Protein backbone atom coordinates (compact mmCIF):
# COMPACT_ATOMS: atom_id res chain seq x y z
CA MET A 1 282.51 91.67 -119.21
CA HIS A 2 280.53 92.95 -122.20
CA LEU A 3 277.06 94.06 -121.11
CA SER A 4 274.03 94.70 -123.28
CA TRP A 5 272.53 98.20 -123.48
CA TYR A 6 270.04 97.18 -120.80
CA GLY A 7 272.72 95.54 -118.69
CA ALA A 8 274.93 98.62 -118.80
CA ALA A 9 271.99 100.90 -117.97
CA SER A 10 271.05 98.65 -115.04
CA THR A 11 274.41 98.67 -113.29
CA GLN A 12 273.27 101.78 -111.41
CA PRO A 13 270.00 101.42 -109.44
CA SER A 14 267.16 103.79 -110.27
CA PRO A 15 266.52 106.70 -107.88
CA VAL A 16 263.46 104.98 -106.38
CA ASN A 17 265.40 101.73 -106.03
CA ARG A 18 268.18 103.52 -104.17
CA MET A 19 265.82 105.43 -101.91
CA MET A 20 263.69 102.44 -100.94
CA ALA A 21 266.68 100.14 -100.44
CA ALA A 22 268.28 102.66 -98.11
CA PHE A 23 265.08 103.15 -96.14
CA THR A 24 263.85 99.55 -95.89
CA SER A 25 267.23 98.20 -94.82
CA THR A 26 266.83 100.11 -91.56
CA PHE A 27 263.01 100.25 -91.38
CA ARG A 28 261.75 99.83 -87.81
CA ASP A 29 258.44 97.96 -87.65
CA GLY A 30 256.00 99.72 -85.38
CA VAL A 31 258.06 102.91 -85.40
CA ASP A 32 258.72 104.12 -88.94
CA ILE A 33 255.82 104.86 -91.28
CA ASN A 34 255.64 103.68 -94.89
CA LEU A 35 253.64 106.06 -97.09
CA GLY A 36 255.85 105.28 -100.08
CA VAL A 37 255.90 101.67 -101.23
CA GLY A 38 252.53 100.75 -102.72
CA PHE A 39 251.96 97.63 -100.62
CA VAL A 40 248.36 96.59 -100.10
CA ASN A 41 247.00 96.63 -96.58
CA GLU A 42 247.77 93.31 -94.89
CA GLN A 43 244.24 93.19 -93.47
CA THR A 44 242.80 92.97 -97.01
CA ILE A 45 244.63 89.71 -97.83
CA PRO A 46 242.18 86.81 -97.34
CA ILE A 47 244.52 84.34 -95.68
CA ALA A 48 241.76 81.88 -94.75
CA ARG A 49 240.36 81.87 -98.29
CA ILE A 50 243.83 81.35 -99.74
CA GLU A 51 244.43 78.39 -97.41
CA GLN A 52 241.05 76.96 -98.44
CA ALA A 53 241.97 77.35 -102.11
CA MET A 54 245.30 75.60 -101.57
CA ARG A 55 243.61 72.63 -99.90
CA ALA A 56 240.94 72.44 -102.63
CA VAL A 57 243.54 72.35 -105.40
CA ALA A 58 245.66 69.73 -103.66
CA ALA A 59 242.62 67.54 -102.94
CA ASP A 60 241.20 67.50 -106.48
CA PRO A 61 243.81 66.35 -109.04
CA ILE A 62 241.08 65.70 -111.60
CA THR A 63 239.72 69.25 -111.75
CA TYR A 64 243.12 70.80 -111.11
CA ARG A 65 245.26 68.36 -113.08
CA GLN A 66 249.06 68.50 -112.87
CA ALA A 67 248.82 71.53 -110.60
CA PHE A 68 252.30 70.91 -109.16
CA ASN A 69 254.02 70.22 -112.48
CA TYR A 70 255.11 72.48 -115.35
CA GLY A 71 252.30 74.37 -117.05
CA SER A 72 251.21 75.83 -120.36
CA SER A 73 252.71 79.16 -121.39
CA THR A 74 249.22 80.48 -122.18
CA GLY A 75 248.01 79.87 -118.63
CA THR A 76 245.87 77.12 -117.14
CA ALA A 77 242.49 76.52 -118.74
CA ASN A 78 240.80 76.77 -115.34
CA LEU A 79 242.20 80.24 -114.60
CA ILE A 80 241.50 81.62 -118.07
CA ALA A 81 237.90 80.39 -117.84
CA ALA A 82 237.54 81.74 -114.28
CA VAL A 83 238.76 85.21 -115.27
CA ARG A 84 236.30 85.27 -118.17
CA ARG A 85 233.43 84.20 -115.93
CA PHE A 86 234.37 86.84 -113.37
CA LEU A 87 234.53 89.62 -115.96
CA LEU A 88 231.08 88.64 -117.23
CA ARG A 89 229.54 88.39 -113.74
CA SER A 90 231.02 91.59 -112.41
CA ARG A 91 230.49 93.62 -115.59
CA LEU A 92 233.88 95.22 -115.00
CA GLY A 93 234.53 97.33 -118.06
CA GLN A 94 231.00 96.47 -119.20
CA LEU A 95 232.49 93.60 -121.23
CA ASP A 96 230.02 91.22 -122.84
CA ALA A 97 230.34 87.60 -123.95
CA ALA A 98 230.75 88.51 -127.63
CA THR A 99 233.73 90.75 -126.86
CA LEU A 100 235.37 88.14 -124.65
CA ASP A 101 234.82 85.46 -127.29
CA ARG A 102 236.36 87.67 -129.96
CA ASN A 103 239.50 88.33 -127.91
CA ARG A 104 242.09 86.07 -126.30
CA LEU A 105 243.19 86.00 -122.68
CA ILE A 106 246.63 84.83 -121.58
CA ILE A 107 248.34 84.65 -118.18
CA GLY A 108 251.74 86.25 -117.57
CA PRO A 109 254.67 84.36 -116.05
CA CYS A 110 254.91 86.52 -112.91
CA GLY A 111 252.11 89.03 -112.50
CA ALA A 112 251.18 92.06 -114.59
CA THR A 113 254.72 93.42 -114.26
CA SER A 114 256.08 90.48 -116.24
CA LEU A 115 253.65 91.28 -119.04
CA LEU A 116 254.82 94.89 -119.12
CA ASP A 117 258.41 93.68 -119.23
CA ALA A 118 257.55 91.38 -122.13
CA LEU A 119 256.11 94.27 -124.14
CA ALA A 120 259.54 95.87 -124.20
CA VAL A 121 261.03 92.65 -125.55
CA VAL A 122 258.56 91.72 -128.30
CA LEU A 123 257.70 95.21 -129.58
CA LYS A 124 260.13 97.21 -131.68
CA GLU A 125 262.03 99.91 -129.87
CA GLY A 126 260.69 103.38 -130.41
CA ILE A 127 258.59 106.04 -128.72
CA VAL A 128 256.14 105.07 -125.96
CA ILE A 129 253.35 107.54 -125.27
CA THR A 130 252.21 107.65 -121.67
CA SER A 131 250.98 110.09 -119.03
CA ASP A 132 252.90 112.65 -116.99
CA PRO A 133 253.16 111.97 -114.08
CA ALA A 134 253.85 108.44 -115.25
CA TYR A 135 254.06 104.97 -113.74
CA TYR A 136 257.64 105.84 -112.90
CA ILE A 137 258.90 102.28 -112.35
CA TYR A 138 257.87 101.16 -115.84
CA ALA A 139 258.87 104.41 -117.55
CA ASP A 140 262.33 104.09 -116.06
CA ALA A 141 262.56 100.44 -117.12
CA LEU A 142 261.50 101.26 -120.68
CA GLU A 143 264.26 103.81 -121.06
CA ARG A 144 266.82 101.32 -119.75
CA GLN A 145 265.62 98.97 -122.48
CA GLY A 146 266.19 101.53 -125.22
CA PHE A 147 262.72 103.06 -125.61
CA GLU A 148 262.01 106.78 -125.60
CA VAL A 149 259.23 107.80 -123.24
CA LEU A 150 257.02 110.66 -124.42
CA ALA A 151 255.22 111.75 -121.25
CA VAL A 152 252.04 113.77 -121.84
CA PRO A 153 250.63 115.89 -118.97
CA GLU A 154 247.27 114.78 -117.64
CA ASP A 155 244.23 116.75 -116.62
CA SER A 156 241.29 115.70 -114.44
CA GLU A 157 240.24 113.00 -116.97
CA GLY A 158 243.61 111.50 -117.82
CA ILE A 159 246.11 112.25 -120.60
CA SER A 160 245.34 115.72 -121.96
CA LEU A 161 244.20 115.50 -125.59
CA GLU A 162 245.38 119.04 -126.28
CA ALA A 163 248.85 118.28 -124.90
CA LEU A 164 248.96 114.98 -126.78
CA GLU A 165 248.14 116.59 -130.13
CA ARG A 166 250.76 119.26 -129.52
CA LYS A 167 253.43 116.68 -128.76
CA LEU A 168 252.48 114.57 -131.78
CA HIS A 169 252.77 117.68 -133.96
CA ASP A 170 256.18 118.48 -132.46
CA LEU A 171 257.42 114.97 -133.32
CA GLY A 172 257.11 115.76 -137.02
CA ASP A 173 258.36 112.86 -139.12
CA ARG A 174 259.38 111.03 -135.93
CA VAL A 175 255.72 110.17 -135.37
CA ASP A 176 256.56 107.08 -137.43
CA GLU A 177 258.75 105.94 -134.53
CA ILE A 178 255.85 105.51 -132.12
CA SER A 179 255.95 101.95 -130.77
CA PHE A 180 252.90 101.86 -128.50
CA PHE A 181 250.62 103.77 -126.13
CA TYR A 182 250.58 102.81 -122.44
CA VAL A 183 247.89 104.17 -120.11
CA VAL A 184 247.22 103.26 -116.46
CA THR A 185 243.46 103.73 -116.19
CA VAL A 186 243.66 104.70 -112.51
CA ASN A 187 246.98 106.42 -112.78
CA ASN A 188 249.89 105.49 -110.59
CA PRO A 189 251.04 107.82 -109.05
CA SER A 190 248.21 110.37 -109.27
CA CYS A 191 245.17 108.02 -109.10
CA THR A 192 243.52 110.21 -111.73
CA ILE A 193 240.74 108.11 -113.24
CA LEU A 194 240.78 107.85 -117.03
CA SER A 195 237.24 108.84 -117.99
CA ASN A 196 235.22 106.80 -120.46
CA ALA A 197 235.24 109.65 -122.97
CA ARG A 198 239.00 110.10 -122.64
CA ARG A 199 239.87 106.42 -123.04
CA ARG A 200 237.77 106.32 -126.22
CA ALA A 201 239.46 109.51 -127.47
CA LEU A 202 242.93 108.06 -126.81
CA TYR A 203 241.96 104.92 -128.68
CA ASP A 204 240.82 107.10 -131.58
CA VAL A 205 244.21 108.83 -131.66
CA ALA A 206 246.01 105.47 -131.81
CA ALA A 207 243.58 104.30 -134.50
CA ARG A 208 244.09 107.45 -136.57
CA LEU A 209 247.87 107.07 -136.44
CA SER A 210 247.56 103.36 -137.28
CA ARG A 211 245.50 104.12 -140.37
CA LYS A 212 247.81 106.92 -141.46
CA GLN A 213 250.89 104.73 -141.13
CA SER A 214 249.23 101.55 -142.45
CA ARG A 215 250.33 99.58 -139.40
CA ARG A 216 248.82 98.65 -136.06
CA ILE A 217 250.03 100.86 -133.20
CA PRO A 218 248.81 99.11 -130.05
CA ILE A 219 247.35 100.88 -127.04
CA PHE A 220 247.62 99.11 -123.68
CA PHE A 221 245.22 99.93 -120.85
CA ASP A 222 246.70 98.90 -117.50
CA LEU A 223 243.77 98.12 -115.17
CA ALA A 224 245.91 97.53 -112.06
CA TYR A 225 243.79 99.75 -109.79
CA GLU A 226 240.51 99.75 -111.71
CA TRP A 227 239.09 96.95 -109.56
CA LEU A 228 239.60 99.27 -106.57
CA LEU A 229 237.02 101.85 -107.62
CA HIS A 230 235.51 102.67 -104.23
CA ASP A 231 233.89 106.08 -104.75
CA PRO A 232 230.17 105.60 -105.54
CA ARG A 233 230.09 108.97 -107.29
CA VAL A 234 232.30 107.74 -110.15
CA GLU A 235 230.51 106.38 -113.21
CA PRO A 236 231.14 102.72 -114.13
CA LEU A 237 234.22 102.48 -116.32
CA THR A 238 233.84 101.12 -119.85
CA SER A 239 236.32 99.14 -121.94
CA VAL A 240 237.10 100.15 -125.53
CA LEU A 241 237.50 96.50 -126.60
CA PRO A 242 233.91 96.17 -127.89
CA GLN A 243 234.55 99.02 -130.38
CA ASP A 244 238.09 97.99 -131.35
CA ASP A 245 237.58 97.44 -135.08
CA LEU A 246 241.33 97.80 -135.82
CA GLU A 247 242.36 95.20 -133.22
CA ILE A 248 244.89 97.45 -131.51
CA ALA A 249 243.52 97.64 -127.93
CA TYR A 250 244.68 95.42 -125.07
CA GLU A 251 243.92 95.33 -121.36
CA ILE A 252 246.30 94.21 -118.61
CA GLY A 253 244.69 93.06 -115.37
CA THR A 254 245.93 91.73 -112.05
CA LEU A 255 244.67 89.99 -108.92
CA SER A 256 247.36 91.63 -106.78
CA LYS A 257 245.34 94.55 -105.46
CA VAL A 258 242.12 92.69 -104.60
CA ILE A 259 243.46 89.31 -103.41
CA ALA A 260 247.23 89.20 -102.78
CA PRO A 261 250.32 90.51 -104.59
CA ALA A 262 252.23 87.31 -103.75
CA LEU A 263 249.99 85.26 -106.05
CA ARG A 264 251.72 87.06 -108.97
CA ILE A 265 248.74 86.61 -111.29
CA GLY A 266 248.37 89.02 -114.22
CA TYR A 267 246.54 88.62 -117.49
CA LEU A 268 246.50 90.19 -120.95
CA LEU A 269 243.26 90.43 -122.90
CA GLY A 270 243.12 91.45 -126.54
CA PRO A 271 242.95 90.39 -130.19
CA ASP A 272 244.74 87.20 -131.13
CA GLY A 273 247.55 87.32 -133.66
CA PRO A 274 251.35 87.49 -134.06
CA PHE A 275 251.80 89.91 -131.16
CA LEU A 276 249.94 87.70 -128.69
CA HIS A 277 251.77 84.64 -130.00
CA SER A 278 255.09 86.37 -129.32
CA MET A 279 253.94 87.22 -125.79
CA ILE A 280 253.12 83.56 -125.17
CA GLN A 281 256.56 82.53 -126.40
CA LYS A 282 258.13 85.15 -124.12
CA THR A 283 256.28 83.58 -121.18
CA SER A 284 257.68 80.19 -122.18
CA ASP A 285 261.19 81.64 -122.43
CA THR A 286 260.86 83.30 -119.03
CA GLY A 287 259.84 80.19 -117.11
CA PHE A 288 257.32 78.04 -119.01
CA SER A 289 254.39 79.59 -117.12
CA ALA A 290 253.24 81.10 -113.88
CA PRO A 291 253.26 78.38 -111.18
CA PRO A 292 250.29 76.15 -112.11
CA PHE A 293 249.19 75.48 -108.51
CA VAL A 294 249.02 79.25 -107.89
CA GLN A 295 247.00 79.72 -111.08
CA GLU A 296 244.60 77.00 -109.98
CA MET A 297 244.28 78.59 -106.53
CA ALA A 298 243.48 81.89 -108.22
CA ALA A 299 240.85 80.15 -110.36
CA TYR A 300 239.26 78.71 -107.22
CA LEU A 301 239.27 82.10 -105.51
CA LEU A 302 237.62 83.77 -108.51
CA ASP A 303 234.84 81.19 -108.42
CA HIS A 304 234.38 81.17 -104.64
CA GLY A 305 233.72 84.46 -102.90
CA ILE A 306 235.62 87.00 -104.98
CA GLU A 307 232.64 89.38 -104.95
CA ASP A 308 232.58 89.40 -101.14
CA GLN A 309 236.33 89.93 -101.09
CA MET A 310 236.14 92.89 -103.46
CA ARG A 311 233.33 94.50 -101.47
CA ALA A 312 235.31 94.16 -98.24
CA VAL A 313 238.50 95.51 -99.80
CA ASN A 314 236.79 98.49 -101.41
CA THR A 315 234.80 99.27 -98.26
CA GLY A 316 238.02 99.35 -96.28
CA TYR A 317 239.88 101.55 -98.74
CA ARG A 318 236.90 103.91 -99.01
CA ALA A 319 236.91 104.49 -95.26
CA LYS A 320 240.67 105.04 -95.28
CA ALA A 321 240.50 107.42 -98.25
CA LEU A 322 237.96 109.61 -96.46
CA ALA A 323 239.91 109.64 -93.19
CA VAL A 324 243.23 110.36 -94.88
CA ARG A 325 241.77 113.10 -97.08
CA ALA A 326 240.36 114.78 -93.98
CA GLY A 327 243.82 114.54 -92.40
CA ILE A 328 245.46 116.02 -95.50
CA ASP A 329 243.08 118.96 -95.48
CA GLN A 330 243.56 119.57 -91.78
CA GLN A 331 247.34 119.19 -91.60
CA LEU A 332 248.60 120.20 -95.05
CA GLY A 333 245.71 122.19 -96.47
CA PRO A 334 247.36 125.61 -95.95
CA PHE A 335 250.39 124.48 -97.98
CA LEU A 336 248.58 122.65 -100.81
CA ALA A 337 248.06 123.80 -104.39
CA ASP A 338 246.33 120.57 -105.49
CA CYS A 339 245.34 117.13 -104.24
CA ARG A 340 244.32 114.27 -106.53
CA GLY A 341 243.20 110.71 -105.82
CA GLY A 342 241.03 109.16 -103.15
CA SER A 343 238.33 107.70 -105.42
CA ALA A 344 240.10 104.55 -106.61
CA GLY A 345 243.29 102.72 -105.74
CA PHE A 346 245.10 103.87 -102.61
CA TYR A 347 247.15 106.95 -103.45
CA PHE A 348 246.88 110.69 -103.04
CA TYR A 349 249.07 112.90 -105.22
CA LEU A 350 249.85 116.24 -103.60
CA THR A 351 251.17 119.44 -105.14
CA MET A 352 252.55 121.87 -102.59
CA ARG A 353 252.38 125.62 -103.17
CA GLU A 354 255.93 126.38 -102.10
CA VAL A 355 257.34 123.41 -100.19
CA GLU A 356 259.91 121.38 -102.08
CA THR A 357 259.55 117.61 -101.62
CA ARG A 358 262.51 116.26 -103.58
CA PRO A 359 265.09 114.11 -101.76
CA ALA A 360 267.51 117.03 -101.39
CA SER A 361 264.86 119.21 -99.75
CA GLN A 362 264.69 120.19 -96.10
CA PHE A 363 261.19 118.69 -95.90
CA PHE A 364 262.26 115.26 -97.16
CA ARG A 365 265.35 115.12 -94.94
CA ALA A 366 263.41 116.14 -91.85
CA LEU A 367 261.04 113.22 -92.36
CA THR A 368 263.51 110.51 -93.40
CA GLU A 369 266.37 111.40 -91.06
CA ALA A 370 264.34 111.80 -87.86
CA PRO A 371 266.55 111.25 -84.81
CA GLY A 372 266.06 108.87 -81.91
CA ASP A 373 262.69 107.20 -81.46
CA ARG A 374 260.91 109.71 -83.67
CA PRO A 375 259.23 107.93 -86.61
CA ARG A 376 260.84 108.25 -89.99
CA ILE A 377 258.34 108.76 -92.81
CA ILE A 378 258.86 107.75 -96.42
CA TYR A 379 256.89 108.95 -99.44
CA ILE A 380 257.55 108.98 -103.18
CA PRO A 381 258.82 112.41 -104.29
CA GLY A 382 257.12 113.87 -107.34
CA GLU A 383 260.55 114.39 -108.84
CA TYR A 384 260.64 110.62 -109.37
CA CYS A 385 257.11 110.50 -110.82
CA VAL A 386 257.32 113.15 -113.54
CA HIS A 387 259.51 112.71 -116.58
CA PRO A 388 262.84 114.50 -116.03
CA ARG A 389 262.68 116.03 -119.53
CA GLY A 390 258.92 116.54 -119.54
CA ASP A 391 256.65 119.53 -119.08
CA LEU A 392 256.22 118.89 -115.34
CA SER A 393 259.85 118.57 -114.29
CA ALA A 394 259.79 121.86 -112.37
CA ILE A 395 256.48 121.35 -110.56
CA GLY A 396 257.50 117.78 -109.74
CA ARG A 397 259.94 119.24 -107.22
CA ARG A 398 256.89 120.26 -105.15
CA GLN A 399 254.86 117.06 -105.51
CA LEU A 400 254.63 113.75 -103.70
CA ARG A 401 252.74 110.48 -103.83
CA LEU A 402 251.25 109.38 -100.54
CA SER A 403 250.03 105.79 -100.18
CA TYR A 404 247.19 104.95 -97.81
CA GLY A 405 247.39 101.27 -98.74
CA PHE A 406 249.76 99.75 -96.21
CA GLU A 407 249.49 101.64 -92.91
CA ASP A 408 246.27 102.01 -90.93
CA ALA A 409 244.36 105.30 -91.09
CA HIS A 410 245.30 106.40 -87.58
CA THR A 411 249.01 105.96 -88.32
CA ILE A 412 248.72 107.87 -91.60
CA VAL A 413 246.93 110.79 -89.94
CA ARG A 414 249.67 110.84 -87.31
CA ALA A 415 252.27 110.92 -90.08
CA LEU A 416 250.48 113.87 -91.70
CA ALA A 417 250.81 115.83 -88.47
CA LEU A 418 254.55 115.12 -88.49
CA MET A 419 254.69 116.20 -92.13
CA ARG A 420 253.13 119.51 -91.17
CA GLU A 421 255.81 119.96 -88.51
CA ALA A 422 258.46 119.29 -91.18
CA VAL A 423 257.26 122.15 -93.40
CA PRO A 424 259.96 124.86 -93.41
CA ARG A 425 258.78 127.96 -91.57
CA GLU A 426 259.53 130.20 -94.53
CA SER A 427 256.88 128.40 -96.64
CA GLY A 428 254.16 130.99 -96.52
CA THR A 429 252.10 129.79 -93.55
CA LEU A 430 253.77 129.37 -90.20
CA VAL A 431 253.76 125.87 -88.76
CA GLY A 432 251.26 125.63 -85.94
CA SER A 433 249.23 128.64 -87.12
């Protein structure tokens, strides 16, 4: 059978795919501890509200017309209007009515991930500039689809401008091959928050390159975790869309983290034109649209109690972040070189001083191959998160992403104690000291 480039590259599962498949196939509920897969906490999913939304949609075929039929590839009018109303009410991104009116909002066929997948289909293959550590699932998918990922190390505010300029200089004439910029504003895996100044500076870099090359080089801001900003010390985050005079900036949002991943609702907001038209056609090719009745349920939820839901979700994650950070300091503090995250989303990204965390390490094996009734613990090794040919490939062997989304705080703190026990005794500080 003749396979495409993507098909041939996909015959072997990615490292994360292999690791999670092996673990979840034998996962013991109530025994093993999941600090790896970025599932939301089940207690944050508003089951009663979702049931209410389902009944409301089914009972009102006039407002929610043809909700159980095929739908428009742009998304239902009710959901598009509800997202716009929510963005205006909440002031997320400090978006105003003029900016929303000037841009177009479309709904993806199956969550934000389907929109990311569509980018790789409708945009010309080339170089994608992103952060390092990167959203490893998408970076891996892009390379299977023929793109080249240029991963730029981040600092405390996001992608480092100094590192970015150096890498652009090193590209030389290949700078013309840049396809697009992709930035997760609350980075997955590190949960580093892209500061307002840095997101504007990154936009300016994309704008400068666009002007120099006399073409639009788009920059996509993935807001997946931005609605989970639960640290009151962090300044409100500001969109660059109001200042986008070149029409190159787009935002990708999702309801997965604040309502429920299973709704599979993601949207793309940005300037109308050929690119957006091609994205709409890709949605049609994929499956006509996201399920209309789910879109209408999401519209109902956005208009009925979403603010209360967001407050409850963020209050819960804030409490967990504080408890887990205290546990990290107590159990792993002596072995840590750095710890990021805990202000938004639900990840901590740890850099160990000496302890290797990669799958072949003693530390990883001790946690994932625990005998008998001892809990097995899964995390995402930093080796999977950093680009294998990037600047951080060596330090990635000592890093890990820890999720405090799925398990309760008590279970996570217990897992941290077991992680301390798994630290090899030759790693500087004796276990139990």
